[in-house]
Amino acid sequence: MDFVIDILVEERIVLELKSVEELHPVHYKQLLTYLKLADKRLGFLVNFNEHILKNGIKRVVHNYVEPTNNNKLNAFAPSRETDEAKVN
């Protein structure tokens, strides 16, 4: 099965570009799948069909670890404990 990342920035950040009325869960799942298959942590879902572009940019982090008081410095260290994603 082939997949095509729209844009890969500096071999680290995946950009998935859309022009849709509204973003749906399937769009987030598509980006998360690309992050998993490409072994990347950070991606942005960009919907160009917005009056103000910044309203159409969503950040998705694969294997996000919620910071606690004990691990604030390690919050962005890679973790393979979960397949969950954080969407901002």
PDB file of N, CA and C in Angstrom:
ATOM      1  N   MET A   1       0.845  -1.176   0.000  1.00  0.00           N
ATOM      2  CA  MET A   1       0.000   0.000   0.000  1.00  0.00           C
ATOM      3  C   MET A   1       0.893   1.243   0.000  1.00  0.00           C
ATOM      4  N   ASP A   2       0.592   2.183  -0.854  1.00  0.00           N
ATOM      5  CA  ASP A   2       1.364   3.414  -0.940  1.00  0.00           C
ATOM      6  C   ASP A   2       0.646   4.538  -0.211  1.00  0.00           C
ATOM      7  N   PHE A   3       1.432   5.425   0.335  1.00  0.00           N
ATOM      8  CA  PHE A   3       0.875   6.644   0.893  1.00  0.00           C
ATOM      9  C   PHE A   3       1.779   7.787   0.474  1.00  0.00           C
ATOM     10  N   VAL A   4       1.184   8.961   0.328  1.00  0.00           N
ATOM     11  CA  VAL A   4       1.929  10.114  -0.138  1.00  0.00           C
ATOM     12  C   VAL A   4       1.746  11.250   0.854  1.00  0.00           C
ATOM     13  N   ILE A   5       2.849  11.654   1.471  1.00  0.00           N
ATOM     14  CA  ILE A   5       2.835  12.804   2.362  1.00  0.00           C
ATOM     15  C   ILE A   5       2.824  14.052   1.485  1.00  0.00           C
ATOM     16  N   ASP A   6       1.924  14.977   1.766  1.00  0.00           N
ATOM     17  CA  ASP A   6       1.840  16.191   0.950  1.00  0.00           C
ATOM     18  C   ASP A   6       3.163  16.964   0.996  1.00  0.00           C
ATOM     19  N   ILE A   7       3.621  17.311   2.201  1.00  0.00           N
ATOM     20  CA  ILE A   7       4.896  18.026   2.359  1.00  0.00           C
ATOM     21  C   ILE A   7       5.596  17.500   3.604  1.00  0.00           C
ATOM     22  N   LEU A   8       6.893  17.240   3.475  1.00  0.00           N
ATOM     23  CA  LEU A   8       7.727  16.843   4.602  1.00  0.00           C
ATOM     24  C   LEU A   8       8.770  17.935   4.795  1.00  0.00           C
ATOM     25  N   VAL A   9       8.717  18.603   5.946  1.00  0.00           N
ATOM     26  CA  VAL A   9       9.593  19.736   6.220  1.00  0.00           C
ATOM     27  C   VAL A   9      10.791  19.280   7.039  1.00  0.00           C
ATOM     28  N   GLU A  10      11.992  19.505   6.496  1.00  0.00           N
ATOM     29  CA  GLU A  10      13.243  19.195   7.204  1.00  0.00           C
ATOM     30  C   GLU A  10      13.289  17.755   7.724  1.00  0.00           C
ATOM     31  N   GLU A  11      12.631  16.843   7.016  1.00  0.00           N
ATOM     32  CA  GLU A  11      12.595  15.429   7.403  1.00  0.00           C
ATOM     33  C   GLU A  11      12.007  15.204   8.794  1.00  0.00           C
ATOM     34  N   ARG A  12      11.233  16.184   9.312  1.00  0.00           N
ATOM     35  CA  ARG A  12      10.710  16.072  10.667  1.00  0.00           C
ATOM     36  C   ARG A  12       9.220  16.348  10.790  1.00  0.00           C
ATOM     37  N   ILE A  13       8.695  17.261  10.008  1.00  0.00           N
ATOM     38  CA  ILE A  13       7.312  17.712  10.185  1.00  0.00           C
ATOM     39  C   ILE A  13       6.488  17.371   8.946  1.00  0.00           C
ATOM     40  N   VAL A  14       5.352  16.709   9.164  1.00  0.00           N
ATOM     41  CA  VAL A  14       4.466  16.316   8.078  1.00  0.00           C
ATOM     42  C   VAL A  14       3.352  17.358   7.949  1.00  0.00           C
ATOM     43  N   LEU A  15       3.167  17.880   6.739  1.00  0.00           N
ATOM     44  CA  LEU A  15       2.059  18.791   6.457  1.00  0.00           C
ATOM     45  C   LEU A  15       1.053  18.061   5.577  1.00  0.00           C
ATOM     46  N   GLU A  16      -0.175  18.006   6.035  1.00  0.00           N
ATOM     47  CA  GLU A  16      -1.257  17.417   5.253  1.00  0.00           C
ATOM     48  C   GLU A  16      -2.173  18.563   4.845  1.00  0.00           C
ATOM     49  N   LEU A  17      -2.284  18.793   3.551  1.00  0.00           N
ATOM     50  CA  LEU A  17      -3.005  19.941   3.022  1.00  0.00           C
ATOM     51  C   LEU A  17      -4.410  19.543   2.566  1.00  0.00           C
ATOM     52  N   LYS A  18      -5.380  20.344   2.962  1.00  0.00           N
ATOM     53  CA  LYS A  18      -6.778  20.105   2.604  1.00  0.00           C
ATOM     54  C   LYS A  18      -7.413  21.418   2.158  1.00  0.00           C
ATOM     55  N   SER A  19      -8.509  21.299   1.425  1.00  0.00           N
ATOM     56  CA  SER A  19      -9.369  22.431   1.113  1.00  0.00           C
ATOM     57  C   SER A  19     -10.797  21.911   1.170  1.00  0.00           C
ATOM     58  N   VAL A  20     -11.316  21.832   2.387  1.00  0.00           N
ATOM     59  CA  VAL A  20     -12.629  21.246   2.631  1.00  0.00           C
ATOM     60  C   VAL A  20     -13.476  22.208   3.466  1.00  0.00           C
ATOM     61  N   GLU A  21     -14.791  22.006   3.449  1.00  0.00           N
ATOM     62  CA  GLU A  21     -15.689  22.857   4.238  1.00  0.00           C
ATOM     63  C   GLU A  21     -15.329  22.833   5.716  1.00  0.00           C
ATOM     64  N   GLU A  22     -15.068  21.628   6.234  1.00  0.00           N
ATOM     65  CA  GLU A  22     -14.637  21.492   7.623  1.00  0.00           C
ATOM     66  C   GLU A  22     -13.817  20.218   7.766  1.00  0.00           C
ATOM     67  N   LEU A  23     -12.908  20.238   8.731  1.00  0.00           N
ATOM     68  CA  LEU A  23     -12.083  19.061   8.987  1.00  0.00           C
ATOM     69  C   LEU A  23     -12.900  18.042   9.774  1.00  0.00           C
ATOM     70  N   HIS A  24     -12.750  16.784   9.409  1.00  0.00           N
ATOM     71  CA  HIS A  24     -13.460  15.688  10.065  1.00  0.00           C
ATOM     72  C   HIS A  24     -12.440  14.756  10.718  1.00  0.00           C
ATOM     73  N   PRO A  25     -12.892  13.898  11.624  1.00  0.00           N
ATOM     74  CA  PRO A  25     -11.976  12.965  12.285  1.00  0.00           C
ATOM     75  C   PRO A  25     -11.138  12.131  11.306  1.00  0.00           C
ATOM     76  N   VAL A  26     -11.690  11.813  10.145  1.00  0.00           N
ATOM     77  CA  VAL A  26     -10.934  11.013   9.177  1.00  0.00           C
ATOM     78  C   VAL A  26      -9.679  11.763   8.714  1.00  0.00           C
ATOM     79  N   HIS A  27      -9.719  13.092   8.664  1.00  0.00           N
ATOM     80  CA  HIS A  27      -8.555  13.871   8.260  1.00  0.00           C
ATOM     81  C   HIS A  27      -7.440  13.773   9.307  1.00  0.00           C
ATOM     82  N   TYR A  28      -7.823  13.831  10.590  1.00  0.00           N
ATOM     83  CA  TYR A  28      -6.845  13.684  11.665  1.00  0.00           C
ATOM     84  C   TYR A  28      -6.262  12.269  11.659  1.00  0.00           C
ATOM     85  N   LYS A  29      -7.118  11.286  11.430  1.00  0.00           N
ATOM     86  CA  LYS A  29      -6.649   9.897  11.404  1.00  0.00           C
ATOM     87  C   LYS A  29      -5.701   9.664  10.237  1.00  0.00           C
ATOM     88  N   GLN A  30      -5.970  10.300   9.108  1.00  0.00           N
ATOM     89  CA  GLN A  30      -5.083  10.171   7.954  1.00  0.00           C
ATOM     90  C   GLN A  30      -3.702  10.725   8.297  1.00  0.00           C
ATOM     91  N   LEU A  31      -3.657  11.916   8.899  1.00  0.00           N
ATOM     92  CA  LEU A  31      -2.371  12.503   9.276  1.00  0.00           C
ATOM     93  C   LEU A  31      -1.676  11.649  10.323  1.00  0.00           C
ATOM     94  N   LEU A  32      -2.408  11.154  11.296  1.00  0.00           N
ATOM     95  CA  LEU A  32      -1.810  10.298  12.325  1.00  0.00           C
ATOM     96  C   LEU A  32      -1.234   9.027  11.705  1.00  0.00           C
ATOM     97  N   THR A  33      -1.921   8.460  10.733  1.00  0.00           N
ATOM     98  CA  THR A  33      -1.401   7.279  10.034  1.00  0.00           C
ATOM     99  C   THR A  33      -0.097   7.611   9.317  1.00  0.00           C
ATOM    100  N   TYR A  34      -0.041   8.758   8.652  1.00  0.00           N
ATOM    101  CA  TYR A  34       1.190   9.180   7.978  1.00  0.00           C
ATOM    102  C   TYR A  34       2.322   9.353   8.983  1.00  0.00           C
ATOM    103  N   LEU A  35       2.022   9.933  10.137  1.00  0.00           N
ATOM    104  CA  LEU A  35       3.050  10.109  11.171  1.00  0.00           C
ATOM    105  C   LEU A  35       3.580   8.765  11.639  1.00  0.00           C
ATOM    106  N   LYS A  36       2.685   7.816  11.858  1.00  0.00           N
ATOM    107  CA  LYS A  36       3.101   6.489  12.312  1.00  0.00           C
ATOM    108  C   LYS A  36       3.944   5.781  11.254  1.00  0.00           C
ATOM    109  N   LEU A  37       3.468   5.773  10.006  1.00  0.00           N
ATOM    110  CA  LEU A  37       4.175   5.057   8.945  1.00  0.00           C
ATOM    111  C   LEU A  37       5.527   5.686   8.615  1.00  0.00           C
ATOM    112  N   ALA A  38       5.619   6.996   8.734  1.00  0.00           N
ATOM    113  CA  ALA A  38       6.876   7.686   8.427  1.00  0.00           C
ATOM    114  C   ALA A  38       7.769   7.815   9.661  1.00  0.00           C
ATOM    115  N   ASP A  39       7.297   7.340  10.805  1.00  0.00           N
ATOM    116  CA  ASP A  39       8.031   7.422  12.073  1.00  0.00           C
ATOM    117  C   ASP A  39       8.394   8.872  12.407  1.00  0.00           C
ATOM    118  N   LYS A  40       7.376   9.734  12.320  1.00  0.00           N
ATOM    119  CA  LYS A  40       7.527  11.153  12.663  1.00  0.00           C
ATOM    120  C   LYS A  40       6.623  11.463  13.835  1.00  0.00           C
ATOM    121  N   ARG A  41       6.925  12.521  14.580  1.00  0.00           N
ATOM    122  CA  ARG A  41       6.132  12.867  15.757  1.00  0.00           C
ATOM    123  C   ARG A  41       5.193  14.035  15.534  1.00  0.00           C
ATOM    124  N   LEU A  42       5.552  14.971  14.657  1.00  0.00           N
ATOM    125  CA  LEU A  42       4.796  16.203  14.552  1.00  0.00           C
ATOM    126  C   LEU A  42       4.231  16.401  13.161  1.00  0.00           C
ATOM    127  N   GLY A  43       2.952  16.793  13.122  1.00  0.00           N
ATOM    128  CA  GLY A  43       2.316  17.087  11.844  1.00  0.00           C
ATOM    129  C   GLY A  43       1.333  18.225  11.983  1.00  0.00           C
ATOM    130  N   PHE A  44       1.053  18.869  10.873  1.00  0.00           N
ATOM    131  CA  PHE A  44       0.063  19.935  10.839  1.00  0.00           C
ATOM    132  C   PHE A  44      -0.946  19.625   9.748  1.00  0.00           C
ATOM    133  N   LEU A  45      -2.199  19.752  10.099  1.00  0.00           N
ATOM    134  CA  LEU A  45      -3.296  19.599   9.164  1.00  0.00           C
ATOM    135  C   LEU A  45      -3.707  21.015   8.778  1.00  0.00           C
ATOM    136  N   VAL A  46      -3.594  21.339   7.492  1.00  0.00           N
ATOM    137  CA  VAL A  46      -3.849  22.699   7.026  1.00  0.00           C
ATOM    138  C   VAL A  46      -5.047  22.682   6.086  1.00  0.00           C
ATOM    139  N   ASN A  47      -6.102  23.408   6.482  1.00  0.00           N
ATOM    140  CA  ASN A  47      -7.299  23.536   5.662  1.00  0.00           C
ATOM    141  C   ASN A  47      -7.298  24.934   5.043  1.00  0.00           C
ATOM    142  N   PHE A  48      -7.127  24.992   3.731  1.00  0.00           N
ATOM    143  CA  PHE A  48      -7.071  26.274   3.035  1.00  0.00           C
ATOM    144  C   PHE A  48      -8.457  26.876   2.791  1.00  0.00           C
ATOM    145  N   ASN A  49      -9.497  26.147   3.110  1.00  0.00           N
ATOM    146  CA  ASN A  49     -10.854  26.649   2.891  1.00  0.00           C
ATOM    147  C   ASN A  49     -11.363  27.365   4.150  1.00  0.00           C
ATOM    148  N   GLU A  50     -10.596  28.294   4.655  1.00  0.00           N
ATOM    149  CA  GLU A  50     -10.952  29.112   5.813  1.00  0.00           C
ATOM    150  C   GLU A  50     -10.779  30.576   5.439  1.00  0.00           C
ATOM    151  N   HIS A  51     -11.613  31.425   5.987  1.00  0.00           N
ATOM    152  CA  HIS A  51     -11.480  32.862   5.718  1.00  0.00           C
ATOM    153  C   HIS A  51     -10.189  33.401   6.311  1.00  0.00           C
ATOM    154  N   ILE A  52      -9.831  32.916   7.507  1.00  0.00           N
ATOM    155  CA  ILE A  52      -8.568  33.272   8.155  1.00  0.00           C
ATOM    156  C   ILE A  52      -7.754  31.989   8.241  1.00  0.00           C
ATOM    157  N   LEU A  53      -6.640  31.935   7.525  1.00  0.00           N
ATOM    158  CA  LEU A  53      -5.878  30.692   7.384  1.00  0.00           C
ATOM    159  C   LEU A  53      -5.473  30.090   8.721  1.00  0.00           C
ATOM    160  N   LYS A  54      -5.090  30.923   9.690  1.00  0.00           N
ATOM    161  CA  LYS A  54      -4.634  30.376  10.973  1.00  0.00           C
ATOM    162  C   LYS A  54      -5.721  29.553  11.671  1.00  0.00           C
ATOM    163  N   ASN A  55      -6.982  29.815  11.350  1.00  0.00           N
ATOM    164  CA  ASN A  55      -8.076  29.018  11.919  1.00  0.00           C
ATOM    165  C   ASN A  55      -8.134  27.621  11.314  1.00  0.00           C
ATOM    166  N   GLY A  56      -7.467  27.414  10.196  1.00  0.00           N
ATOM    167  CA  GLY A  56      -7.483  26.122   9.525  1.00  0.00           C
ATOM    168  C   GLY A  56      -6.248  25.283   9.769  1.00  0.00           C
ATOM    169  N   ILE A  57      -5.399  25.687  10.714  1.00  0.00           N
ATOM    170  CA  ILE A  57      -4.166  24.950  10.992  1.00  0.00           C
ATOM    171  C   ILE A  57      -4.321  24.225  12.322  1.00  0.00           C
ATOM    172  N   LYS A  58      -4.174  22.903  12.273  1.00  0.00           N
ATOM    173  CA  LYS A  58      -4.282  22.071  13.475  1.00  0.00           C
ATOM    174  C   LYS A  58      -2.995  21.272  13.643  1.00  0.00           C
ATOM    175  N   ARG A  59      -2.489  21.233  14.859  1.00  0.00           N
ATOM    176  CA  ARG A  59      -1.243  20.528  15.188  1.00  0.00           C
ATOM    177  C   ARG A  59      -1.592  19.145  15.721  1.00  0.00           C
ATOM    178  N   VAL A  60      -0.883  18.128  15.233  1.00  0.00           N
ATOM    179  CA  VAL A  60      -1.092  16.750  15.676  1.00  0.00           C
ATOM    180  C   VAL A  60       0.258  16.182  16.086  1.00  0.00           C
ATOM    181  N   VAL A  61       0.317  15.623  17.303  1.00  0.00           N
ATOM    182  CA  VAL A  61       1.552  15.042  17.817  1.00  0.00           C
ATOM    183  C   VAL A  61       1.325  13.562  18.070  1.00  0.00           C
ATOM    184  N   HIS A  62       2.142  12.738  17.431  1.00  0.00           N
ATOM    185  CA  HIS A  62       2.082  11.277  17.618  1.00  0.00           C
ATOM    186  C   HIS A  62       2.880  10.898  18.856  1.00  0.00           C
ATOM    187  N   ASN A  63       2.334  10.008  19.687  1.00  0.00           N
ATOM    188  CA  ASN A  63       2.978   9.558  20.927  1.00  0.00           C
ATOM    189  C   ASN A  63       3.203  10.703  21.898  1.00  0.00           C
ATOM    190  N   TYR A  64       2.220  11.580  22.015  1.00  0.00           N
ATOM    191  CA  TYR A  64       2.316  12.698  22.949  1.00  0.00           C
ATOM    192  C   TYR A  64       2.241  12.183  24.373  1.00  0.00           C
ATOM    193  N   VAL A  65       3.125  12.686  25.229  1.00  0.00           N
ATOM    194  CA  VAL A  65       3.119  12.350  26.651  1.00  0.00           C
ATOM    195  C   VAL A  65       2.735  13.607  27.409  1.00  0.00           C
ATOM    196  N   GLU A  66       1.630  13.545  28.156  1.00  0.00           N
ATOM    197  CA  GLU A  66       1.168  14.700  28.921  1.00  0.00           C
ATOM    198  C   GLU A  66       2.183  15.014  30.016  1.00  0.00           C
ATOM    199  N   PRO A  67       2.673  16.269  30.087  1.00  0.00           N
ATOM    200  CA  PRO A  67       3.659  16.602  31.116  1.00  0.00           C
ATOM    201  C   PRO A  67       3.048  16.561  32.519  1.00  0.00           C
ATOM    202  N   THR A  68       3.837  16.100  33.465  1.00  0.00           N
ATOM    203  CA  THR A  68       3.461  16.133  34.876  1.00  0.00           C
ATOM    204  C   THR A  68       4.535  16.913  35.608  1.00  0.00           C
ATOM    205  N   ASN A  69       4.364  17.096  36.886  1.00  0.00           N
ATOM    206  CA  ASN A  69       5.367  17.827  37.667  1.00  0.00           C
ATOM    207  C   ASN A  69       6.724  17.138  37.626  1.00  0.00           C
ATOM    208  N   ASN A  70       6.734  15.818  37.551  1.00  0.00           N
ATOM    209  CA  ASN A  70       7.986  15.064  37.594  1.00  0.00           C
ATOM    210  C   ASN A  70       8.684  14.973  36.253  1.00  0.00           C
ATOM    211  N   ASN A  71       7.964  15.092  35.158  1.00  0.00           N
ATOM    212  CA  ASN A  71       8.609  14.879  33.859  1.00  0.00           C
ATOM    213  C   ASN A  71       8.426  16.051  32.893  1.00  0.00           C
ATOM    214  N   LYS A  72       8.351  17.285  33.394  1.00  0.00           N
ATOM    215  CA  LYS A  72       8.173  18.433  32.511  1.00  0.00           C
ATOM    216  C   LYS A  72       9.294  18.529  31.490  1.00  0.00           C
ATOM    217  N   LEU A  73      10.518  18.246  31.904  1.00  0.00           N
ATOM    218  CA  LEU A  73      11.639  18.333  30.978  1.00  0.00           C
ATOM    219  C   LEU A  73      11.633  17.197  29.976  1.00  0.00           C
ATOM    220  N   ASN A  74      11.027  16.082  30.313  1.00  0.00           N
ATOM    221  CA  ASN A  74      11.007  14.924  29.435  1.00  0.00           C
ATOM    222  C   ASN A  74       9.715  14.820  28.637  1.00  0.00           C
ATOM    223  N   ALA A  75       8.881  15.846  28.678  1.00  0.00           N
ATOM    224  CA  ALA A  75       7.572  15.775  28.040  1.00  0.00           C
ATOM    225  C   ALA A  75       7.658  15.576  26.538  1.00  0.00           C
ATOM    226  N   PHE A  76       8.740  16.012  25.919  1.00  0.00           N
ATOM    227  CA  PHE A  76       8.854  15.905  24.480  1.00  0.00           C
ATOM    228  C   PHE A  76       9.819  14.809  24.050  1.00  0.00           C
ATOM    229  N   ALA A  77      10.233  13.983  24.993  1.00  0.00           N
ATOM    230  CA  ALA A  77      11.080  12.837  24.657  1.00  0.00           C
ATOM    231  C   ALA A  77      10.208  11.791  23.985  1.00  0.00           C
ATOM    232  N   PRO A  78      10.755  11.079  22.992  1.00  0.00           N
ATOM    233  CA  PRO A  78       9.961  10.045  22.318  1.00  0.00           C
ATOM    234  C   PRO A  78       9.485   8.977  23.292  1.00  0.00           C
ATOM    235  N   SER A  79       8.263   8.565  23.124  1.00  0.00           N
ATOM    236  CA  SER A  79       7.685   7.526  23.952  1.00  0.00           C
ATOM    237  C   SER A  79       6.911   6.574  23.063  1.00  0.00           C
ATOM    238  N   ARG A  80       7.098   5.290  23.244  1.00  0.00           N
ATOM    239  CA  ARG A  80       6.375   4.292  22.463  1.00  0.00           C
ATOM    240  C   ARG A  80       5.317   3.606  23.319  1.00  0.00           C
ATOM    241  N   GLU A  81       4.986   4.196  24.479  1.00  0.00           N
ATOM    242  CA  GLU A  81       4.029   3.569  25.380  1.00  0.00           C
ATOM    243  C   GLU A  81       2.596   3.686  24.893  1.00  0.00           C
ATOM    244  N   THR A  82       2.315   4.642  24.041  1.00  0.00           N
ATOM    245  CA  THR A  82       0.933   4.862  23.609  1.00  0.00           C
ATOM    246  C   THR A  82       0.883   5.201  22.130  1.00  0.00           C
ATOM    247  N   ASP A  83      -0.214   4.863  21.502  1.00  0.00           N
ATOM    248  CA  ASP A  83      -0.424   5.220  20.094  1.00  0.00           C
ATOM    249  C   ASP A  83      -1.368   6.408  19.981  1.00  0.00           C
ATOM    250  N   GLU A  84      -1.616   7.081  21.093  1.00  0.00           N
ATOM    251  CA  GLU A  84      -2.539   8.196  21.090  1.00  0.00           C
ATOM    252  C   GLU A  84      -1.873   9.430  20.513  1.00  0.00           C
ATOM    253  N   ALA A  85      -2.673  10.316  20.035  1.00  0.00           N
ATOM    254  CA  ALA A  85      -2.177  11.573  19.471  1.00  0.00           C
ATOM    255  C   ALA A  85      -2.798  12.728  20.216  1.00  0.00           C
ATOM    256  N   LYS A  86      -2.047  13.786  20.323  1.00  0.00           N
ATOM    257  CA  LYS A  86      -2.538  15.024  20.914  1.00  0.00           C
ATOM    258  C   LYS A  86      -2.849  15.962  19.765  1.00  0.00           C
ATOM    259  N   VAL A  87      -4.046  16.505  19.750  1.00  0.00           N
ATOM    260  CA  VAL A  87      -4.456  17.428  18.689  1.00  0.00           C
ATOM    261  C   VAL A  87      -4.682  18.785  19.324  1.00  0.00           C
ATOM    262  N   ASN A  88      -4.025  19.803  18.790  1.00  0.00           N
ATOM    263  CA  ASN A  88      -4.204  21.186  19.273  1.00  0.00           C
ATOM    264  C   ASN A  88      -4.832  22.003  18.187  1.00  0.00           C
TER     265      ASN A  88
END
